[in-house]
């Protein structure tokens, strides 16, 4: 499957709120801007990242998390990143 086909399937799944697991999920993302946790107390605890490229983990539905500055996992929203590498989904 070509990269564009993976991307189209990924965003179609998000747009339709599909409950079907994806064949491919993000493995590496480019974060487009400073991202912090939604809750101010979590941001104060170090749940934030700056723009740049990050290895990520994805669940079987394609939800993406990256390591925050404090070493914990920070979930990203679709408008906060671009996928730059895909991997086969380990359902």
N, C-alpha and C. Protein backbone atom coordinates (compact mmCIF):
# COMPACT_ATOMS: atom_id res chain seq x y z
N UNK A 1 0.85 -1.18 0.00
CA UNK A 1 0.00 0.00 0.00
C UNK A 1 0.90 1.24 0.00
N UNK A 2 0.59 2.18 -0.87
CA UNK A 2 1.37 3.41 -0.95
C UNK A 2 1.06 4.31 0.25
N UNK A 3 1.97 5.22 0.52
CA UNK A 3 1.84 6.12 1.65
C UNK A 3 0.55 6.95 1.57
N UNK A 4 0.21 7.44 0.38
CA UNK A 4 -0.99 8.26 0.24
C UNK A 4 -2.25 7.44 0.55
N UNK A 5 -2.25 6.17 0.20
CA UNK A 5 -3.39 5.30 0.50
C UNK A 5 -3.52 5.08 2.01
N UNK A 6 -2.39 4.94 2.69
CA UNK A 6 -2.41 4.80 4.15
C UNK A 6 -2.97 6.06 4.79
N UNK A 7 -2.51 7.21 4.29
CA UNK A 7 -2.96 8.49 4.83
C UNK A 7 -4.46 8.70 4.60
N UNK A 8 -4.92 8.40 3.40
CA UNK A 8 -6.35 8.56 3.10
C UNK A 8 -7.21 7.66 3.98
N UNK A 9 -6.79 6.41 4.18
CA UNK A 9 -7.53 5.49 5.04
C UNK A 9 -7.54 5.99 6.48
N UNK A 10 -6.42 6.55 6.92
CA UNK A 10 -6.29 7.06 8.29
C UNK A 10 -7.26 8.21 8.53
N UNK A 11 -7.25 9.20 7.65
CA UNK A 11 -8.10 10.37 7.85
C UNK A 11 -9.58 10.05 7.59
N UNK A 12 -9.86 9.14 6.67
CA UNK A 12 -11.25 8.73 6.46
C UNK A 12 -11.79 8.06 7.71
N UNK A 13 -10.98 7.23 8.34
CA UNK A 13 -11.38 6.56 9.59
C UNK A 13 -11.69 7.58 10.67
N UNK A 14 -10.86 8.62 10.77
CA UNK A 14 -11.08 9.66 11.77
C UNK A 14 -12.34 10.45 11.46
N UNK A 15 -12.54 10.79 10.20
CA UNK A 15 -13.68 11.61 9.81
C UNK A 15 -15.01 10.88 10.01
N UNK A 16 -14.99 9.58 9.81
CA UNK A 16 -16.24 8.80 9.94
C UNK A 16 -16.38 8.18 11.32
N UNK A 17 -15.40 8.41 12.19
CA UNK A 17 -15.40 7.86 13.54
C UNK A 17 -15.60 6.34 13.51
N UNK A 18 -14.86 5.71 12.61
CA UNK A 18 -14.95 4.27 12.43
C UNK A 18 -14.46 3.52 13.67
N UNK A 19 -15.11 2.41 13.96
CA UNK A 19 -14.68 1.57 15.08
C UNK A 19 -13.87 0.37 14.59
N UNK A 20 -13.52 0.38 13.30
CA UNK A 20 -12.72 -0.70 12.74
C UNK A 20 -11.24 -0.38 12.90
N UNK A 21 -10.43 -1.33 13.35
CA UNK A 21 -8.98 -1.10 13.45
C UNK A 21 -8.38 -0.80 12.08
N UNK A 22 -7.34 0.00 12.05
CA UNK A 22 -6.66 0.38 10.81
C UNK A 22 -5.58 -0.64 10.45
N UNK A 23 -5.31 -0.78 9.16
CA UNK A 23 -4.24 -1.68 8.72
C UNK A 23 -2.87 -1.07 9.01
N UNK A 24 -2.76 0.26 8.85
CA UNK A 24 -1.51 0.97 9.11
C UNK A 24 -1.79 2.14 10.06
N UNK A 25 -0.84 2.40 10.95
CA UNK A 25 -0.97 3.49 11.91
C UNK A 25 0.33 4.31 11.92
N UNK A 26 0.28 5.54 12.42
CA UNK A 26 1.50 6.36 12.47
C UNK A 26 2.59 5.74 13.35
N UNK A 27 3.83 5.83 12.87
CA UNK A 27 5.00 5.39 13.64
C UNK A 27 5.89 6.57 14.00
N UNK A 28 5.86 7.60 13.16
CA UNK A 28 6.65 8.81 13.40
C UNK A 28 5.83 10.00 12.90
N UNK A 29 5.84 11.07 13.69
CA UNK A 29 5.06 12.25 13.33
C UNK A 29 5.90 13.51 13.42
N UNK A 30 5.47 14.53 12.70
CA UNK A 30 6.05 15.86 12.79
C UNK A 30 5.04 16.72 13.53
N UNK A 31 5.40 17.15 14.72
CA UNK A 31 4.53 18.02 15.52
C UNK A 31 4.70 19.43 14.98
N UNK A 32 3.58 20.09 14.69
CA UNK A 32 3.60 21.35 13.97
C UNK A 32 3.79 22.59 14.84
N UNK A 33 3.53 22.46 16.14
CA UNK A 33 3.60 23.62 17.04
C UNK A 33 3.80 23.12 18.46
N UNK A 34 4.02 24.03 19.36
CA UNK A 34 4.09 23.67 20.78
C UNK A 34 2.75 23.05 21.17
N UNK A 35 2.80 21.90 21.86
CA UNK A 35 1.59 21.22 22.30
C UNK A 35 1.72 20.93 23.78
N UNK A 36 0.67 21.27 24.52
CA UNK A 36 0.63 21.00 25.95
C UNK A 36 -0.64 20.24 26.28
N UNK A 37 -0.62 19.59 27.43
CA UNK A 37 -1.81 18.88 27.91
C UNK A 37 -2.97 19.87 28.03
N UNK A 38 -4.18 19.38 27.90
CA UNK A 38 -5.36 20.24 27.97
C UNK A 38 -5.54 20.85 29.35
N UNK A 39 -5.14 20.15 30.38
CA UNK A 39 -5.32 20.64 31.75
C UNK A 39 -4.07 21.40 32.19
N UNK A 40 -4.20 22.64 32.68
CA UNK A 40 -3.03 23.43 33.09
C UNK A 40 -2.12 22.74 34.12
N UNK A 41 -2.70 21.97 35.02
CA UNK A 41 -1.88 21.28 36.02
C UNK A 41 -0.97 20.25 35.35
N UNK A 42 -1.45 19.59 34.30
CA UNK A 42 -0.63 18.61 33.60
C UNK A 42 0.49 19.29 32.82
N UNK A 43 0.19 20.45 32.25
CA UNK A 43 1.25 21.20 31.56
C UNK A 43 2.34 21.59 32.55
N UNK A 44 1.94 22.01 33.74
CA UNK A 44 2.91 22.37 34.78
C UNK A 44 3.75 21.17 35.20
N UNK A 45 3.22 19.96 35.05
CA UNK A 45 3.96 18.75 35.40
C UNK A 45 4.87 18.28 34.26
N UNK A 46 4.92 19.03 33.17
CA UNK A 46 5.83 18.70 32.08
C UNK A 46 5.21 17.97 30.92
N UNK A 47 3.89 17.92 30.86
CA UNK A 47 3.22 17.27 29.73
C UNK A 47 3.10 18.26 28.58
N UNK A 48 4.22 18.47 27.88
CA UNK A 48 4.25 19.35 26.72
C UNK A 48 5.40 18.92 25.82
N UNK A 49 5.35 19.36 24.57
CA UNK A 49 6.43 19.13 23.61
C UNK A 49 6.51 20.34 22.69
N UNK A 50 7.67 20.52 22.08
CA UNK A 50 7.87 21.56 21.08
C UNK A 50 7.71 20.96 19.69
N UNK A 51 7.64 21.80 18.69
CA UNK A 51 7.53 21.30 17.32
C UNK A 51 8.77 20.48 16.98
N UNK A 52 8.60 19.53 16.07
CA UNK A 52 9.70 18.67 15.66
C UNK A 52 9.22 17.28 15.31
N UNK A 53 10.14 16.40 14.99
CA UNK A 53 9.81 15.02 14.63
C UNK A 53 9.95 14.11 15.83
N UNK A 54 8.98 13.21 15.99
CA UNK A 54 8.94 12.32 17.16
C UNK A 54 8.50 10.92 16.76
N UNK A 55 9.16 9.92 17.34
CA UNK A 55 8.63 8.57 17.29
C UNK A 55 7.34 8.61 18.10
N UNK A 56 6.37 7.80 17.72
CA UNK A 56 5.11 7.82 18.46
C UNK A 56 4.60 6.41 18.65
N UNK A 57 3.57 6.31 19.48
CA UNK A 57 2.86 5.05 19.58
C UNK A 57 1.41 5.34 19.19
N UNK A 58 0.80 4.35 18.59
CA UNK A 58 -0.58 4.48 18.14
C UNK A 58 -1.36 3.27 18.61
N UNK A 59 -2.62 3.50 18.97
CA UNK A 59 -3.45 2.35 19.27
C UNK A 59 -4.02 1.79 17.97
N UNK A 60 -4.80 0.73 18.03
CA UNK A 60 -5.27 0.07 16.82
C UNK A 60 -6.22 0.93 15.99
N UNK A 61 -6.73 2.02 16.58
CA UNK A 61 -7.62 2.93 15.86
C UNK A 61 -6.88 4.15 15.33
N UNK A 62 -5.58 4.26 15.63
CA UNK A 62 -4.77 5.35 15.11
C UNK A 62 -4.57 6.53 16.03
N UNK A 63 -5.06 6.47 17.27
CA UNK A 63 -4.80 7.55 18.22
C UNK A 63 -3.30 7.62 18.49
N UNK A 64 -2.74 8.82 18.48
CA UNK A 64 -1.30 9.03 18.54
C UNK A 64 -0.88 9.66 19.87
N UNK A 65 0.21 9.12 20.44
CA UNK A 65 0.83 9.69 21.64
C UNK A 65 2.33 9.77 21.42
N UNK A 66 2.94 10.82 21.96
CA UNK A 66 4.40 11.00 21.91
C UNK A 66 4.91 11.22 23.33
N UNK A 67 6.20 10.99 23.52
CA UNK A 67 6.82 11.22 24.83
C UNK A 67 6.91 12.72 25.09
N UNK A 68 6.33 13.14 26.19
CA UNK A 68 6.40 14.55 26.60
C UNK A 68 7.75 14.83 27.25
N UNK A 69 8.01 16.08 27.55
CA UNK A 69 9.28 16.47 28.17
C UNK A 69 9.52 15.78 29.51
N UNK A 70 8.46 15.41 30.21
CA UNK A 70 8.62 14.74 31.51
C UNK A 70 8.74 13.22 31.38
N UNK A 71 8.72 12.70 30.15
CA UNK A 71 8.84 11.26 29.93
C UNK A 71 7.51 10.54 29.85
N UNK A 72 6.41 11.22 30.21
CA UNK A 72 5.08 10.62 30.11
C UNK A 72 4.56 10.70 28.68
N UNK A 73 3.43 10.08 28.44
CA UNK A 73 2.83 10.07 27.11
C UNK A 73 1.81 11.20 26.98
N UNK A 74 1.90 11.93 25.89
CA UNK A 74 1.00 13.04 25.59
C UNK A 74 0.24 12.72 24.31
N UNK A 75 -1.08 12.65 24.41
CA UNK A 75 -1.91 12.39 23.24
C UNK A 75 -1.99 13.62 22.35
N UNK A 76 -1.99 13.39 21.04
CA UNK A 76 -2.06 14.47 20.08
C UNK A 76 -3.40 14.47 19.35
N UNK A 77 -3.83 15.66 18.96
CA UNK A 77 -5.03 15.81 18.14
C UNK A 77 -4.61 15.88 16.68
N UNK A 78 -5.52 15.55 15.77
CA UNK A 78 -5.19 15.48 14.35
C UNK A 78 -4.59 16.75 13.78
N UNK A 79 -4.98 17.91 14.30
CA UNK A 79 -4.46 19.16 13.74
C UNK A 79 -3.12 19.57 14.35
N UNK A 80 -2.54 18.73 15.19
CA UNK A 80 -1.28 19.05 15.85
C UNK A 80 -0.07 18.35 15.24
N UNK A 81 -0.29 17.46 14.27
CA UNK A 81 0.81 16.70 13.69
C UNK A 81 0.54 16.28 12.25
N UNK A 82 1.63 15.90 11.58
CA UNK A 82 1.59 15.26 10.26
C UNK A 82 2.30 13.93 10.40
N UNK A 83 1.79 12.91 9.76
CA UNK A 83 2.44 11.59 9.79
C UNK A 83 3.57 11.60 8.79
N UNK A 84 4.76 11.17 9.23
CA UNK A 84 5.90 11.10 8.31
C UNK A 84 6.39 9.66 8.12
N UNK A 85 5.87 8.74 8.94
CA UNK A 85 6.23 7.32 8.78
C UNK A 85 5.08 6.47 9.30
N UNK A 86 4.79 5.39 8.55
CA UNK A 86 3.70 4.47 8.91
C UNK A 86 4.26 3.12 9.30
N UNK A 87 3.50 2.35 10.06
CA UNK A 87 3.87 0.96 10.37
C UNK A 87 2.61 0.10 10.34
N UNK A 88 2.82 -1.17 10.14
CA UNK A 88 1.71 -2.13 10.14
C UNK A 88 1.11 -2.14 11.54
N UNK A 89 -0.20 -2.15 11.62
CA UNK A 89 -0.90 -2.15 12.90
C UNK A 89 -0.76 -3.51 13.56
N UNK A 90 -0.28 -3.53 14.79
CA UNK A 90 -0.17 -4.76 15.57
C UNK A 90 -1.43 -4.93 16.39
N UNK A 91 -2.47 -5.36 15.74
CA UNK A 91 -3.76 -5.48 16.39
C UNK A 91 -3.62 -6.35 17.59
